[in-house]
Amino acid sequence: MAAELAGTARLGRRTKDLVKRLRPGDVAIVDHADLDRVSVEELVESGVLAVVNVAPSMSGRFPNPGPLALVRAGVVLIDVPGAPLFEEVREGDALALRGGAVWCRGRCVAEGTRLDEIRLSAELAAQQSRVTEALEAFADNTLRHLRDEGRQLAQSIDFPPLETRFRDRHAVVVARGPGYKRDLRIVRPYIRDFKPVLVAVDGGADALLEIGLAPHVIVGDFDSVSDGALRCGAELLVHAYADGRAPGAERLARMALRYATVSAPGISEDIALQLAHDRGAELIVAVGTHFNLVEFMERNRAGMASTFVTRLKVGEVLVDAKGVSRLVSRRVGVWPLAAFAAAGVTAIVVAVLVSPALRNVIELLTRSLADALGL
């Protein structure tokens, strides 16, 4: 039987907010189905002793490597789905963890399953064997949205005027995605050499400030960025929903900060990429953006129509920072980045050529883009 562990309770239903309060030796109580890799990275960095989850950390919807990464980093993970811990435990309570049981004030308040590496590895392998089913459903949903909303997605976004100059400059778009802090450290020499425009998507602003860089523009709905980042002097661009609602604007108004608003379909990181492209950026480096099945499923998104269209629009100047650690250096410079971008465009072109369904969608999008440009 596993040894008893003792720690201080910290509770938060939004993991990305809770991690800001965690200290080494704490026990984090979360309500986070399918614990994602970004949250795992931040939990590990906090030095937390254990994570007790009142939702399934790995639901089986898709191959989720997050829980396994957490356990491999030495953090105890206990699943107690449906347990009333948010009612039974108070912030700062002393907790004892005995196997899968949670004890507080001398009584057992929840009993669940302590997930170990062997069990999580087996579950992940089983999920990977069923990835085709998840991929087919994801692709079908993406294509459906492309057919239904392709014309709207293809139209140019009416961005408000900004003071930041993009034309003939490089731009780095930083989002809070898997590995974003690592990739940001990797491209820091490039940022130093080329002095690009820094565009942060929500919490990406805090990541920039943590390494001593200030964003020029922050884009998003502002639900995961700190007050300090919002006051750093960057231009603030609120991404409004399709129906015109903009919760981020309410927060900025309460803080008496100047901002502009843009209403467009899709996710905020797509808006940030299109902003840099629309304003004439010569090269766009994406850090922490999402573009594969697991990354979108971690965010509980069933498709990626907006991102697919965005990548088609900006692909000729877009470089993804994932995996370019050996490409970016003072000696190597920007040419390997450009080659990497070209390889990404080539991959998209090949996918289109081999898929009749995608060809039909692309023809629709091409006509829509031509109409929008007056061609």
Foldseek 3Di string as FASTA:
>chain_A
DDDKAKAWEFEDQDLLVRLVVAAARHEYEYAAAQAAQLSLVSNLVRNYQEYEYQYHNYPLLALHCRVLVNVVSPHKYAYFHPQPCVVVDDGGFMWMCDANFIDTPHGTRTGTHTDHNVNSVVSSVVRVVVNVVLVVQQVVVLLVCLVVCVLQLLFAWDDDDDPDAAAAAEEEEQESARPQLVLCVLCVQVCVVRVGQYEYEQCSQVSQVVVPHQHQEYEELNPNHDPVNLPPNHAYEFEAEQVRHRNSVVVCVVVVHDYHYTYGDDHGSLVVLSVSVVSHHQAYEYGRDDDDSNRCVSVVHSYHNSVLSSCVVRLQRYFYSPPCSVQDDPVNHCVVRNVRSVVVVVVNVVVCVVDPSSVVSVVVSVVSNCVSVVD
